[in-house]
């Protein structure tokens, strides 16, 4: 168990967090790019929309990173408060508190002996105040970069192609492909026997989203 926990912690972010941030960035960028009227768009209009997409994802990435830090320190403070309560309670109360704090699917697998072992470790492991660590800021930076980097596959076709219509089609195709890869990655992480199906579901979702954006004037 310790080796598994160490391996999970060694990752900057877990796969769900990484893929989720990429999806957020993709959808946000595609929504803004989809607002471009390609029939009448000139270079100035295209440039304005590209900058809007990048600026929006910069802002979203910053907010998401800050909220990650807020969520991390809040959860850490809450867990420390719970640990202090458990450490100061009698044995039976402490066991009930621990069992209540465990996820339901995990609590069903542990008995009194395991709970008692947790109680003893908690009683001796309560440390100083819950504070943010350097790694937390590194993970927040990772979240920010994932959201921002996800913008570029959407906007690069407009930077490399003079034909706005062809650039829009290419951008949409790249977005759907990335949605498929993201869904495939989520499927593999979840242990699905057919992660390709998850990827296809995600790609269909992307295609539907692009269709909605176009119907709204993209």
N, C-alpha and C. Protein backbone atom coordinates (compact mmCIF):
# COMPACT_ATOMS: atom_id res chain seq x y z
N UNK A 1 0.82 -1.21 0.00
CA UNK A 1 0.00 0.00 0.00
C UNK A 1 0.86 1.25 0.00
N UNK A 2 1.93 1.24 0.77
CA UNK A 2 2.79 2.42 0.84
C UNK A 2 3.44 2.70 -0.50
N UNK A 3 3.86 1.61 -1.20
CA UNK A 3 4.50 1.81 -2.50
C UNK A 3 3.52 2.37 -3.51
N UNK A 4 2.24 1.91 -3.43
CA UNK A 4 1.22 2.43 -4.35
C UNK A 4 0.98 3.90 -4.07
N UNK A 5 0.88 4.25 -2.78
CA UNK A 5 0.66 5.65 -2.42
C UNK A 5 1.81 6.51 -2.86
N UNK A 6 3.03 6.01 -2.72
CA UNK A 6 4.21 6.78 -3.13
C UNK A 6 4.22 6.98 -4.64
N UNK A 7 3.81 5.94 -5.38
CA UNK A 7 3.77 6.05 -6.84
C UNK A 7 2.75 7.08 -7.27
N UNK A 8 1.55 7.06 -6.61
CA UNK A 8 0.53 8.04 -6.95
C UNK A 8 0.99 9.44 -6.62
N UNK A 9 1.66 9.61 -5.48
CA UNK A 9 2.12 10.93 -5.07
C UNK A 9 3.25 11.42 -5.96
N UNK A 10 4.03 10.49 -6.56
CA UNK A 10 5.14 10.89 -7.41
C UNK A 10 4.65 11.60 -8.67
N UNK A 11 3.44 11.28 -9.09
CA UNK A 11 2.88 11.97 -10.24
C UNK A 11 2.54 13.40 -9.86
N UNK A 12 2.79 14.31 -10.78
CA UNK A 12 2.49 15.72 -10.49
C UNK A 12 1.01 15.91 -10.24
N UNK A 13 0.18 15.31 -11.09
CA UNK A 13 -1.27 15.29 -10.91
C UNK A 13 -1.75 13.91 -11.32
N UNK A 14 -2.84 13.45 -10.73
CA UNK A 14 -3.34 12.15 -11.14
C UNK A 14 -3.97 12.27 -12.53
N UNK A 15 -4.09 11.14 -13.26
CA UNK A 15 -4.57 11.20 -14.65
C UNK A 15 -5.92 11.90 -14.82
N UNK A 16 -6.84 11.71 -13.88
CA UNK A 16 -8.15 12.35 -14.00
C UNK A 16 -8.00 13.86 -13.95
N UNK A 17 -7.18 14.37 -13.03
CA UNK A 17 -6.96 15.81 -12.95
C UNK A 17 -6.31 16.34 -14.22
N UNK A 18 -5.29 15.64 -14.70
CA UNK A 18 -4.59 16.10 -15.90
C UNK A 18 -5.53 16.15 -17.10
N UNK A 19 -6.25 15.06 -17.33
CA UNK A 19 -7.13 15.01 -18.49
C UNK A 19 -8.29 15.99 -18.35
N UNK A 20 -8.79 16.14 -17.14
CA UNK A 20 -9.89 17.09 -16.92
C UNK A 20 -9.47 18.51 -17.26
N UNK A 21 -8.26 18.90 -16.85
CA UNK A 21 -7.80 20.25 -17.14
C UNK A 21 -7.61 20.45 -18.64
N UNK A 22 -7.11 19.43 -19.33
CA UNK A 22 -6.96 19.52 -20.78
C UNK A 22 -8.32 19.68 -21.44
N UNK A 23 -9.30 18.90 -20.97
CA UNK A 23 -10.65 19.00 -21.53
C UNK A 23 -11.24 20.38 -21.29
N UNK A 24 -11.07 20.91 -20.09
CA UNK A 24 -11.58 22.25 -19.81
C UNK A 24 -10.98 23.26 -20.77
N UNK A 25 -9.66 23.18 -20.94
CA UNK A 25 -8.99 24.12 -21.83
C UNK A 25 -9.45 23.99 -23.26
N UNK A 26 -9.59 22.75 -23.73
CA UNK A 26 -10.03 22.51 -25.11
C UNK A 26 -11.43 23.07 -25.34
N UNK A 27 -12.35 22.72 -24.44
CA UNK A 27 -13.74 23.14 -24.62
C UNK A 27 -13.85 24.66 -24.56
N UNK A 28 -13.13 25.26 -23.62
CA UNK A 28 -13.18 26.72 -23.50
C UNK A 28 -12.65 27.38 -24.77
N UNK A 29 -11.50 26.89 -25.25
CA UNK A 29 -10.90 27.49 -26.45
C UNK A 29 -11.80 27.28 -27.67
N UNK A 30 -12.35 26.07 -27.82
CA UNK A 30 -13.18 25.79 -28.97
C UNK A 30 -14.47 26.59 -28.95
N UNK A 31 -15.00 26.84 -27.75
CA UNK A 31 -16.21 27.65 -27.64
C UNK A 31 -15.96 29.06 -28.14
N UNK A 32 -14.80 29.62 -27.78
CA UNK A 32 -14.48 30.99 -28.21
C UNK A 32 -14.16 31.03 -29.69
N UNK A 33 -13.35 30.07 -30.15
CA UNK A 33 -13.01 30.02 -31.58
C UNK A 33 -14.27 29.81 -32.41
N UNK A 34 -15.21 29.02 -31.89
CA UNK A 34 -16.45 28.75 -32.61
C UNK A 34 -17.31 29.97 -32.79
N UNK A 35 -17.04 31.02 -32.01
CA UNK A 35 -17.82 32.25 -32.16
C UNK A 35 -17.38 33.05 -33.38
N UNK A 36 -16.28 32.64 -34.00
CA UNK A 36 -15.77 33.34 -35.17
C UNK A 36 -16.65 33.04 -36.38
N UNK A 37 -17.10 34.07 -37.03
CA UNK A 37 -17.89 33.90 -38.25
C UNK A 37 -16.92 33.76 -39.42
N UNK A 38 -16.67 32.52 -39.82
CA UNK A 38 -15.63 32.27 -40.82
C UNK A 38 -16.00 32.80 -42.21
N UNK A 39 -17.28 33.04 -42.44
CA UNK A 39 -17.70 33.53 -43.76
C UNK A 39 -17.23 34.95 -44.01
N UNK A 40 -17.11 35.74 -42.95
CA UNK A 40 -16.76 37.16 -43.11
C UNK A 40 -15.49 37.54 -42.35
N UNK A 41 -14.84 36.57 -41.74
CA UNK A 41 -13.69 36.87 -40.89
C UNK A 41 -12.49 37.33 -41.70
N UNK A 42 -11.91 38.45 -41.28
CA UNK A 42 -10.66 38.91 -41.85
C UNK A 42 -9.53 38.61 -40.89
N UNK A 43 -8.33 39.00 -41.26
CA UNK A 43 -7.18 38.70 -40.40
C UNK A 43 -7.31 39.35 -39.03
N UNK A 44 -7.84 40.56 -39.00
CA UNK A 44 -7.98 41.24 -37.71
C UNK A 44 -8.96 40.50 -36.80
N UNK A 45 -10.08 40.06 -37.40
CA UNK A 45 -11.07 39.34 -36.60
C UNK A 45 -10.50 38.02 -36.08
N UNK A 46 -9.78 37.31 -36.94
CA UNK A 46 -9.18 36.04 -36.53
C UNK A 46 -8.18 36.26 -35.40
N UNK A 47 -7.35 37.30 -35.56
CA UNK A 47 -6.36 37.60 -34.53
C UNK A 47 -7.05 37.93 -33.19
N UNK A 48 -8.13 38.70 -33.27
CA UNK A 48 -8.86 39.07 -32.05
C UNK A 48 -9.42 37.84 -31.34
N UNK A 49 -9.99 36.93 -32.11
CA UNK A 49 -10.57 35.72 -31.51
C UNK A 49 -9.47 34.84 -30.93
N UNK A 50 -8.34 34.73 -31.62
CA UNK A 50 -7.24 33.92 -31.11
C UNK A 50 -6.72 34.47 -29.78
N UNK A 51 -6.59 35.78 -29.72
CA UNK A 51 -6.13 36.39 -28.47
C UNK A 51 -7.17 36.24 -27.37
N UNK A 52 -8.45 36.29 -27.75
CA UNK A 52 -9.50 36.10 -26.76
C UNK A 52 -9.47 34.68 -26.19
N UNK A 53 -9.25 33.70 -27.07
CA UNK A 53 -9.18 32.31 -26.61
C UNK A 53 -8.01 32.11 -25.67
N UNK A 54 -6.85 32.65 -26.05
CA UNK A 54 -5.68 32.51 -25.20
C UNK A 54 -5.87 33.25 -23.88
N UNK A 55 -6.40 34.49 -23.96
CA UNK A 55 -6.62 35.26 -22.74
C UNK A 55 -7.61 34.60 -21.80
N UNK A 56 -8.67 34.02 -22.37
CA UNK A 56 -9.67 33.35 -21.54
C UNK A 56 -9.07 32.15 -20.83
N UNK A 57 -8.26 31.36 -21.54
CA UNK A 57 -7.67 30.19 -20.92
C UNK A 57 -6.57 30.57 -19.92
N UNK A 58 -5.89 31.68 -20.16
CA UNK A 58 -4.94 32.17 -19.17
C UNK A 58 -5.67 32.51 -17.87
N UNK A 59 -6.80 33.21 -18.02
CA UNK A 59 -7.57 33.58 -16.83
C UNK A 59 -8.16 32.35 -16.16
N UNK A 60 -8.72 31.44 -16.95
CA UNK A 60 -9.30 30.23 -16.39
C UNK A 60 -8.24 29.38 -15.71
N UNK A 61 -7.08 29.26 -16.34
CA UNK A 61 -5.99 28.47 -15.75
C UNK A 61 -5.54 29.07 -14.43
N UNK A 62 -5.45 30.39 -14.36
CA UNK A 62 -5.05 31.05 -13.12
C UNK A 62 -6.08 30.81 -12.01
N UNK A 63 -7.36 30.99 -12.34
CA UNK A 63 -8.41 30.77 -11.35
C UNK A 63 -8.42 29.32 -10.89
N UNK A 64 -8.28 28.40 -11.82
CA UNK A 64 -8.30 26.98 -11.48
C UNK A 64 -7.11 26.62 -10.59
N UNK A 65 -5.95 27.19 -10.88
CA UNK A 65 -4.76 26.92 -10.07
C UNK A 65 -4.93 27.46 -8.65
N UNK A 66 -5.46 28.68 -8.54
CA UNK A 66 -5.67 29.26 -7.21
C UNK A 66 -6.69 28.45 -6.42
N UNK A 67 -7.77 28.04 -7.09
CA UNK A 67 -8.79 27.26 -6.40
C UNK A 67 -8.25 25.89 -5.98
N UNK A 68 -7.31 25.35 -6.76
CA UNK A 68 -6.67 24.09 -6.36
C UNK A 68 -5.92 24.27 -5.05
N UNK A 69 -5.21 25.39 -4.92
CA UNK A 69 -4.49 25.65 -3.67
C UNK A 69 -5.46 25.85 -2.51
N UNK A 70 -6.55 26.58 -2.77
CA UNK A 70 -7.57 26.80 -1.73
C UNK A 70 -8.17 25.46 -1.30
N UNK A 71 -8.50 24.63 -2.27
CA UNK A 71 -9.09 23.32 -1.95
C UNK A 71 -8.10 22.45 -1.19
N UNK A 72 -6.83 22.49 -1.59
CA UNK A 72 -5.82 21.67 -0.93
C UNK A 72 -5.64 22.05 0.53
N UNK A 73 -5.48 23.35 0.80
CA UNK A 73 -5.25 23.77 2.18
C UNK A 73 -6.51 23.59 3.02
N UNK A 74 -7.69 23.74 2.40
CA UNK A 74 -8.94 23.52 3.13
C UNK A 74 -9.09 22.06 3.54
N UNK A 75 -8.84 21.16 2.60
CA UNK A 75 -8.94 19.73 2.91
C UNK A 75 -7.89 19.32 3.93
N UNK A 76 -6.71 19.88 3.81
CA UNK A 76 -5.64 19.53 4.75
C UNK A 76 -5.97 20.02 6.15
N UNK A 77 -6.53 21.23 6.24
CA UNK A 77 -6.92 21.77 7.54
C UNK A 77 -8.05 20.94 8.14
N UNK A 78 -9.02 20.58 7.32
CA UNK A 78 -10.14 19.77 7.80
C UNK A 78 -9.65 18.41 8.29
N UNK A 79 -8.75 17.78 7.54
CA UNK A 79 -8.23 16.48 7.95
C UNK A 79 -7.45 16.57 9.25
N UNK A 80 -6.69 17.67 9.44
CA UNK A 80 -5.94 17.82 10.68
C UNK A 80 -6.90 18.03 11.85
N UNK A 81 -7.96 18.82 11.63
CA UNK A 81 -8.94 19.02 12.70
C UNK A 81 -9.60 17.70 13.08
N UNK A 82 -9.91 16.89 12.07
CA UNK A 82 -10.50 15.58 12.35
C UNK A 82 -9.53 14.69 13.11
N UNK A 83 -8.25 14.74 12.71
CA UNK A 83 -7.24 13.93 13.39
C UNK A 83 -7.10 14.34 14.85
N UNK A 84 -7.14 15.63 15.11
CA UNK A 84 -7.05 16.11 16.50
C UNK A 84 -8.26 15.65 17.31
N UNK A 85 -9.43 15.68 16.69
CA UNK A 85 -10.63 15.22 17.37
C UNK A 85 -10.53 13.73 17.69
N UNK A 86 -10.05 12.96 16.72
CA UNK A 86 -9.91 11.52 16.92
C UNK A 86 -8.89 11.22 18.02
N UNK A 87 -7.77 11.97 17.98
CA UNK A 87 -6.71 11.74 18.97
C UNK A 87 -7.19 12.05 20.39
N UNK A 88 -8.11 13.00 20.53
CA UNK A 88 -8.57 13.39 21.85
C UNK A 88 -9.81 12.67 22.32
N UNK A 89 -10.38 11.81 21.48
CA UNK A 89 -11.62 11.12 21.83
C UNK A 89 -11.32 9.76 22.46
N UNK A 90 -12.33 9.19 23.12
CA UNK A 90 -12.17 7.83 23.63
C UNK A 90 -12.16 6.86 22.46
N UNK A 91 -11.75 5.64 22.71
CA UNK A 91 -11.50 4.67 21.65
C UNK A 91 -12.73 4.43 20.79
N UNK A 92 -13.90 4.20 21.41
CA UNK A 92 -15.10 3.89 20.64
C UNK A 92 -15.53 5.07 19.77
N UNK A 93 -15.48 6.27 20.33
CA UNK A 93 -15.84 7.45 19.54
C UNK A 93 -14.87 7.64 18.38
N UNK A 94 -13.58 7.44 18.66
CA UNK A 94 -12.56 7.59 17.62
C UNK A 94 -12.80 6.61 16.47
N UNK A 95 -13.13 5.37 16.80
CA UNK A 95 -13.39 4.37 15.76
C UNK A 95 -14.59 4.77 14.91
N UNK A 96 -15.62 5.31 15.54
CA UNK A 96 -16.80 5.75 14.77
C UNK A 96 -16.44 6.91 13.84
N UNK A 97 -15.64 7.83 14.35
CA UNK A 97 -15.24 8.98 13.53
C UNK A 97 -14.41 8.54 12.33
N UNK A 98 -13.51 7.60 12.56
CA UNK A 98 -12.67 7.11 11.46
C UNK A 98 -13.53 6.40 10.43
N UNK A 99 -14.42 5.52 10.89
CA UNK A 99 -15.29 4.78 9.96
C UNK A 99 -16.16 5.73 9.16
N UNK A 100 -16.64 6.80 9.79
CA UNK A 100 -17.49 7.77 9.11
C UNK A 100 -16.70 8.57 8.07
N UNK A 101 -15.42 8.80 8.33
CA UNK A 101 -14.60 9.60 7.42
C UNK A 101 -14.14 8.82 6.20
N UNK A 102 -14.14 7.49 6.29
CA UNK A 102 -13.66 6.68 5.18
C UNK A 102 -14.69 6.66 4.05
N UNK A 103 -14.23 6.57 2.79
CA UNK A 103 -15.17 6.39 1.68
C UNK A 103 -16.00 5.13 1.90
N UNK A 104 -17.25 5.16 1.48
CA UNK A 104 -18.16 4.05 1.76
C UNK A 104 -17.64 2.72 1.23
N UNK A 105 -17.08 2.75 0.00
CA UNK A 105 -16.61 1.49 -0.59
C UNK A 105 -15.39 0.94 0.14
N UNK A 106 -14.63 1.82 0.82
CA UNK A 106 -13.46 1.37 1.58
C UNK A 106 -13.85 0.97 3.00
N UNK A 107 -14.79 1.71 3.59
CA UNK A 107 -15.23 1.41 4.95
C UNK A 107 -15.82 0.01 5.05
N UNK A 108 -16.44 -0.44 3.96
CA UNK A 108 -17.06 -1.77 3.98
C UNK A 108 -16.02 -2.88 4.02
N UNK A 109 -14.75 -2.57 3.74
CA UNK A 109 -13.71 -3.58 3.67
C UNK A 109 -12.88 -3.68 4.95
N UNK A 110 -13.04 -2.76 5.86
CA UNK A 110 -12.21 -2.74 7.06
C UNK A 110 -13.06 -3.09 8.28
N UNK A 111 -12.40 -3.74 9.23
CA UNK A 111 -13.07 -4.12 10.47
C UNK A 111 -12.50 -3.37 11.65
N UNK A 112 -12.89 -3.80 12.83
CA UNK A 112 -12.47 -3.12 14.06
C UNK A 112 -10.96 -3.11 14.21
N UNK A 113 -10.32 -4.21 13.83
CA UNK A 113 -8.86 -4.29 14.00
C UNK A 113 -8.15 -3.25 13.14
N UNK A 114 -8.60 -3.13 11.88
CA UNK A 114 -7.98 -2.14 10.99
C UNK A 114 -8.26 -0.72 11.47
N UNK A 115 -9.48 -0.48 11.92
CA UNK A 115 -9.82 0.85 12.43
C UNK A 115 -9.00 1.21 13.67
N UNK A 116 -8.78 0.21 14.52
CA UNK A 116 -7.97 0.46 15.71
C UNK A 116 -6.53 0.79 15.34
N UNK A 117 -6.01 0.10 14.34
CA UNK A 117 -4.66 0.43 13.87
C UNK A 117 -4.57 1.84 13.35
N UNK A 118 -5.61 2.27 12.62
CA UNK A 118 -5.64 3.64 12.13
C UNK A 118 -5.70 4.63 13.29
N UNK A 119 -6.52 4.30 14.30
CA UNK A 119 -6.65 5.20 15.45
C UNK A 119 -5.31 5.40 16.15
N UNK A 120 -4.57 4.33 16.32
CA UNK A 120 -3.28 4.43 16.99
C UNK A 120 -2.29 5.26 16.17
N UNK A 121 -2.30 5.06 14.86
CA UNK A 121 -1.37 5.82 14.02
C UNK A 121 -1.75 7.30 14.00
N UNK A 122 -3.06 7.56 13.94
CA UNK A 122 -3.51 8.96 13.94
C UNK A 122 -3.11 9.65 15.24
N UNK A 123 -3.24 8.92 16.36
CA UNK A 123 -2.93 9.51 17.67
C UNK A 123 -1.48 9.94 17.79
N UNK A 124 -0.59 9.28 17.03
CA UNK A 124 0.83 9.60 17.11
C UNK A 124 1.33 10.41 15.92
N UNK A 125 0.44 10.67 14.94
CA UNK A 125 0.89 11.31 13.70
C UNK A 125 0.41 12.74 13.54
N UNK A 126 -0.39 13.24 14.48
CA UNK A 126 -0.89 14.62 14.38
C UNK A 126 0.28 15.57 14.54
N UNK A 127 0.51 16.36 13.50
CA UNK A 127 1.67 17.24 13.50
C UNK A 127 1.29 18.70 13.63
N UNK A 128 2.07 19.56 12.96
CA UNK A 128 1.88 21.00 13.03
C UNK A 128 0.72 21.46 12.18
N UNK A 129 0.61 22.77 11.98
CA UNK A 129 -0.51 23.32 11.22
C UNK A 129 -0.47 22.89 9.75
N UNK A 130 -1.65 22.81 9.17
CA UNK A 130 -1.75 22.43 7.76
C UNK A 130 -1.35 23.61 6.89
N UNK A 131 -0.29 23.47 6.15
CA UNK A 131 0.20 24.55 5.28
C UNK A 131 0.47 24.01 3.89
N UNK A 132 0.53 24.91 2.94
CA UNK A 132 0.85 24.53 1.58
C UNK A 132 2.35 24.25 1.46
N UNK A 133 2.67 23.21 0.71
CA UNK A 133 4.05 22.81 0.49
C UNK A 133 4.50 23.21 -0.92
N UNK A 134 5.81 23.25 -1.15
CA UNK A 134 6.29 23.61 -2.49
C UNK A 134 5.68 22.76 -3.60
N UNK A 135 5.45 21.47 -3.33
CA UNK A 135 4.86 20.61 -4.35
C UNK A 135 3.44 21.06 -4.71
N UNK A 136 2.71 21.58 -3.73
CA UNK A 136 1.36 22.06 -4.00
C UNK A 136 1.37 23.19 -5.03
N UNK A 137 2.33 24.09 -4.90
CA UNK A 137 2.44 25.19 -5.86
C UNK A 137 2.88 24.67 -7.22
N UNK A 138 3.73 23.63 -7.23
CA UNK A 138 4.13 23.03 -8.49
C UNK A 138 2.95 22.38 -9.19
N UNK A 139 2.08 21.72 -8.42
CA UNK A 139 0.89 21.12 -9.00
C UNK A 139 -0.07 22.20 -9.51
N UNK A 140 -0.19 23.29 -8.79
CA UNK A 140 -1.03 24.40 -9.25
C UNK A 140 -0.49 24.97 -10.56
N UNK A 141 0.82 25.07 -10.65
CA UNK A 141 1.44 25.53 -11.90
C UNK A 141 1.15 24.55 -13.03
N UNK A 142 1.19 23.26 -12.71
CA UNK A 142 0.86 22.25 -13.72
C UNK A 142 -0.56 22.40 -14.23
N UNK A 143 -1.49 22.67 -13.34
CA UNK A 143 -2.88 22.89 -13.74
C UNK A 143 -2.98 24.10 -14.67
N UNK A 144 -2.33 25.19 -14.29
CA UNK A 144 -2.35 26.40 -15.11
C UNK A 144 -1.80 26.12 -16.51
N UNK A 145 -0.67 25.42 -16.58
CA UNK A 145 -0.05 25.15 -17.88
C UNK A 145 -0.90 24.22 -18.74
N UNK A 146 -1.54 23.23 -18.12
CA UNK A 146 -2.37 22.31 -18.89
C UNK A 146 -3.53 23.05 -19.56
N UNK A 147 -4.17 23.94 -18.82
CA UNK A 147 -5.29 24.69 -19.39
C UNK A 147 -4.82 25.59 -20.52
N UNK A 148 -3.68 26.26 -20.32
CA UNK A 148 -3.17 27.18 -21.34
C UNK A 148 -2.68 26.42 -22.57
N UNK A 149 -1.90 25.36 -22.35
CA UNK A 149 -1.35 24.60 -23.47
C UNK A 149 -2.47 23.99 -24.32
N UNK A 150 -3.58 23.62 -23.68
CA UNK A 150 -4.70 23.04 -24.43
C UNK A 150 -5.28 24.01 -25.44
N UNK A 151 -4.98 25.30 -25.31
CA UNK A 151 -5.48 26.30 -26.26
C UNK A 151 -4.78 26.17 -27.60
N UNK A 152 -3.50 25.85 -27.60
CA UNK A 152 -2.70 25.95 -28.81
C UNK A 152 -3.13 25.02 -29.94
N UNK A 153 -3.47 23.74 -29.68
CA UNK A 153 -3.93 22.91 -30.81
C UNK A 153 -5.15 23.47 -31.50
N UNK A 154 -5.96 24.24 -30.78
CA UNK A 154 -7.16 24.82 -31.36
C UNK A 154 -6.84 26.04 -32.21
N UNK A 155 -5.86 26.84 -31.80
CA UNK A 155 -5.60 28.11 -32.49
C UNK A 155 -4.47 28.02 -33.52
N UNK A 156 -3.60 27.03 -33.40
CA UNK A 156 -2.46 26.93 -34.32
C UNK A 156 -2.89 26.87 -35.78
N UNK A 157 -3.94 26.11 -36.16
CA UNK A 157 -4.34 26.10 -37.57
C UNK A 157 -4.60 27.49 -38.14
N UNK A 158 -5.13 28.40 -37.33
CA UNK A 158 -5.41 29.76 -37.80
C UNK A 158 -4.12 30.56 -37.98
N UNK A 159 -3.08 30.17 -37.27
CA UNK A 159 -1.79 30.84 -37.41
C UNK A 159 -1.01 30.34 -38.62
N UNK A 160 -1.29 29.10 -39.05
CA UNK A 160 -0.53 28.49 -40.14
C UNK A 160 -1.26 28.52 -41.47
N UNK A 161 -2.56 28.77 -41.46
CA UNK A 161 -3.35 28.70 -42.68
C UNK A 161 -4.02 30.04 -42.96
N UNK A 162 -4.02 30.44 -44.22
CA UNK A 162 -4.64 31.70 -44.60
C UNK A 162 -6.15 31.55 -44.81
N UNK A 163 -6.57 30.35 -45.18
CA UNK A 163 -7.99 30.10 -45.41
C UNK A 163 -8.68 29.86 -44.08
N UNK A 164 -9.55 30.80 -43.67
CA UNK A 164 -10.21 30.70 -42.36
C UNK A 164 -11.12 29.49 -42.28
N UNK A 165 -11.78 29.15 -43.40
CA UNK A 165 -12.68 27.99 -43.39
C UNK A 165 -11.89 26.71 -43.18
N UNK A 166 -10.80 26.55 -43.92
CA UNK A 166 -9.97 25.36 -43.76
C UNK A 166 -9.35 25.30 -42.37
N UNK A 167 -8.95 26.46 -41.86
CA UNK A 167 -8.38 26.51 -40.51
C UNK A 167 -9.40 26.08 -39.47
N UNK A 168 -10.66 26.52 -39.64
CA UNK A 168 -11.71 26.15 -38.69
C UNK A 168 -11.96 24.65 -38.73
N UNK A 169 -12.02 24.08 -39.93
CA UNK A 169 -12.25 22.64 -40.05
C UNK A 169 -11.09 21.86 -39.41
N UNK A 170 -9.87 22.33 -39.65
CA UNK A 170 -8.71 21.66 -39.07
C UNK A 170 -8.72 21.76 -37.55
N UNK A 171 -9.06 22.93 -37.06
CA UNK A 171 -9.13 23.15 -35.62
C UNK A 171 -10.17 22.22 -34.99
N UNK A 172 -11.31 22.09 -35.64
CA UNK A 172 -12.35 21.21 -35.13
C UNK A 172 -11.89 19.75 -35.13
N UNK A 173 -11.22 19.35 -36.21
CA UNK A 173 -10.75 17.96 -36.30
C UNK A 173 -9.71 17.67 -35.21
N UNK A 174 -8.80 18.61 -35.00
CA UNK A 174 -7.79 18.43 -33.96
C UNK A 174 -8.44 18.34 -32.58
N UNK A 175 -9.44 19.18 -32.36
CA UNK A 175 -10.14 19.16 -31.07
C UNK A 175 -10.82 17.83 -30.83
N UNK A 176 -11.52 17.31 -31.85
CA UNK A 176 -12.20 16.02 -31.70
C UNK A 176 -11.17 14.91 -31.46
N UNK A 177 -10.04 14.97 -32.17
CA UNK A 177 -9.00 13.96 -31.97
C UNK A 177 -8.46 14.00 -30.55
N UNK A 178 -8.26 15.20 -30.02
CA UNK A 178 -7.76 15.32 -28.66
C UNK A 178 -8.80 14.87 -27.64
N UNK A 179 -10.06 15.13 -27.94
CA UNK A 179 -11.13 14.64 -27.07
C UNK A 179 -11.14 13.11 -27.05
N UNK A 180 -10.94 12.51 -28.23
CA UNK A 180 -10.87 11.05 -28.29
C UNK A 180 -9.72 10.51 -27.45
N UNK A 181 -8.54 11.12 -27.61
CA UNK A 181 -7.37 10.67 -26.85
C UNK A 181 -7.58 10.86 -25.35
N UNK A 182 -8.24 11.96 -24.97
CA UNK A 182 -8.52 12.20 -23.56
C UNK A 182 -9.47 11.14 -23.02
N UNK A 183 -10.53 10.86 -23.78
CA UNK A 183 -11.46 9.82 -23.36
C UNK A 183 -10.81 8.46 -23.30
N UNK A 184 -9.93 8.18 -24.25
CA UNK A 184 -9.20 6.91 -24.26
C UNK A 184 -8.33 6.80 -23.00
N UNK A 185 -7.65 7.91 -22.65
CA UNK A 185 -6.83 7.91 -21.46
C UNK A 185 -7.64 7.69 -20.19
N UNK A 186 -8.80 8.32 -20.11
CA UNK A 186 -9.68 8.13 -18.96
C UNK A 186 -10.16 6.69 -18.88
N UNK A 187 -10.49 6.11 -20.04
CA UNK A 187 -10.95 4.73 -20.08
C UNK A 187 -9.88 3.76 -19.59
N UNK A 188 -8.66 3.97 -20.02
CA UNK A 188 -7.56 3.11 -19.58
C UNK A 188 -7.31 3.26 -18.09
N UNK A 189 -7.35 4.48 -17.60
CA UNK A 189 -7.12 4.71 -16.18
C UNK A 189 -8.22 4.07 -15.33
N UNK A 190 -9.46 4.14 -15.83
CA UNK A 190 -10.58 3.56 -15.10
C UNK A 190 -10.59 2.04 -15.17
N UNK A 191 -9.79 1.47 -16.07
CA UNK A 191 -9.73 0.02 -16.18
C UNK A 191 -10.77 -0.57 -17.11
N UNK A 192 -11.36 0.26 -17.99
CA UNK A 192 -12.33 -0.27 -18.94
C UNK A 192 -11.64 -1.25 -19.89
N UNK A 193 -12.33 -2.31 -20.21
CA UNK A 193 -11.75 -3.29 -21.14
C UNK A 193 -11.69 -2.75 -22.56
N UNK A 194 -12.53 -1.78 -22.86
CA UNK A 194 -12.54 -1.17 -24.20
C UNK A 194 -12.41 0.34 -24.08
N UNK A 195 -11.21 0.84 -23.79
CA UNK A 195 -11.04 2.30 -23.65
C UNK A 195 -11.31 3.06 -24.93
N UNK A 196 -11.23 2.36 -26.08
CA UNK A 196 -11.55 3.02 -27.34
C UNK A 196 -12.99 3.51 -27.33
N UNK A 197 -13.86 2.74 -26.71
CA UNK A 197 -15.27 3.15 -26.64
C UNK A 197 -15.41 4.44 -25.85
N UNK A 198 -14.68 4.54 -24.74
CA UNK A 198 -14.72 5.78 -23.96
C UNK A 198 -14.21 6.94 -24.80
N UNK A 199 -13.14 6.69 -25.56
CA UNK A 199 -12.62 7.74 -26.44
C UNK A 199 -13.63 8.17 -27.48
N UNK A 200 -14.35 7.20 -28.04
CA UNK A 200 -15.37 7.53 -29.04
C UNK A 200 -16.51 8.34 -28.42
N UNK A 201 -16.91 7.95 -27.21
CA UNK A 201 -17.96 8.71 -26.53
C UNK A 201 -17.53 10.17 -26.34
N UNK A 202 -16.27 10.35 -25.93
CA UNK A 202 -15.78 11.69 -25.71
C UNK A 202 -15.69 12.47 -27.02
N UNK A 203 -15.29 11.78 -28.09
CA UNK A 203 -15.20 12.43 -29.39
C UNK A 203 -16.59 12.84 -29.89
N UNK A 204 -17.58 11.98 -29.67
CA UNK A 204 -18.96 12.32 -30.06
C UNK A 204 -19.43 13.53 -29.29
N UNK A 205 -19.10 13.55 -27.99
CA UNK A 205 -19.46 14.71 -27.18
C UNK A 205 -18.84 15.97 -27.77
N UNK A 206 -17.58 15.88 -28.20
CA UNK A 206 -16.92 17.03 -28.80
C UNK A 206 -17.58 17.46 -30.09
N UNK A 207 -17.95 16.48 -30.92
CA UNK A 207 -18.60 16.81 -32.18
C UNK A 207 -19.95 17.49 -31.95
N UNK A 208 -20.70 17.00 -30.96
CA UNK A 208 -21.98 17.61 -30.62
C UNK A 208 -21.77 19.04 -30.13
N UNK A 209 -20.75 19.21 -29.30
CA UNK A 209 -20.46 20.54 -28.78
C UNK A 209 -20.09 21.50 -29.91
N UNK A 210 -19.27 21.04 -30.85
CA UNK A 210 -18.90 21.88 -31.99
C UNK A 210 -20.13 22.23 -32.81
N UNK A 211 -21.04 21.25 -33.00
CA UNK A 211 -22.27 21.52 -33.75
C UNK A 211 -23.13 22.57 -33.07
N UNK A 212 -23.21 22.50 -31.73
CA UNK A 212 -23.99 23.48 -30.99
C UNK A 212 -23.38 24.87 -31.15
N UNK A 213 -22.04 24.93 -31.04
CA UNK A 213 -21.35 26.21 -31.19
C UNK A 213 -21.60 26.81 -32.57
N UNK A 214 -21.52 25.96 -33.61
CA UNK A 214 -21.76 26.45 -34.96
C UNK A 214 -23.21 26.94 -35.12
N UNK A 215 -24.15 26.21 -34.52
CA UNK A 215 -25.55 26.62 -34.61
C UNK A 215 -25.81 27.95 -33.94
N UNK A 216 -24.94 28.27 -32.98
CA UNK A 216 -25.11 29.53 -32.25
C UNK A 216 -24.38 30.69 -32.94
N UNK A 217 -23.83 30.40 -34.13
CA UNK A 217 -23.23 31.48 -34.90
C UNK A 217 -21.77 31.32 -35.20
N UNK A 218 -21.18 30.17 -34.86
CA UNK A 218 -19.75 29.94 -35.11
C UNK A 218 -19.48 29.71 -36.58
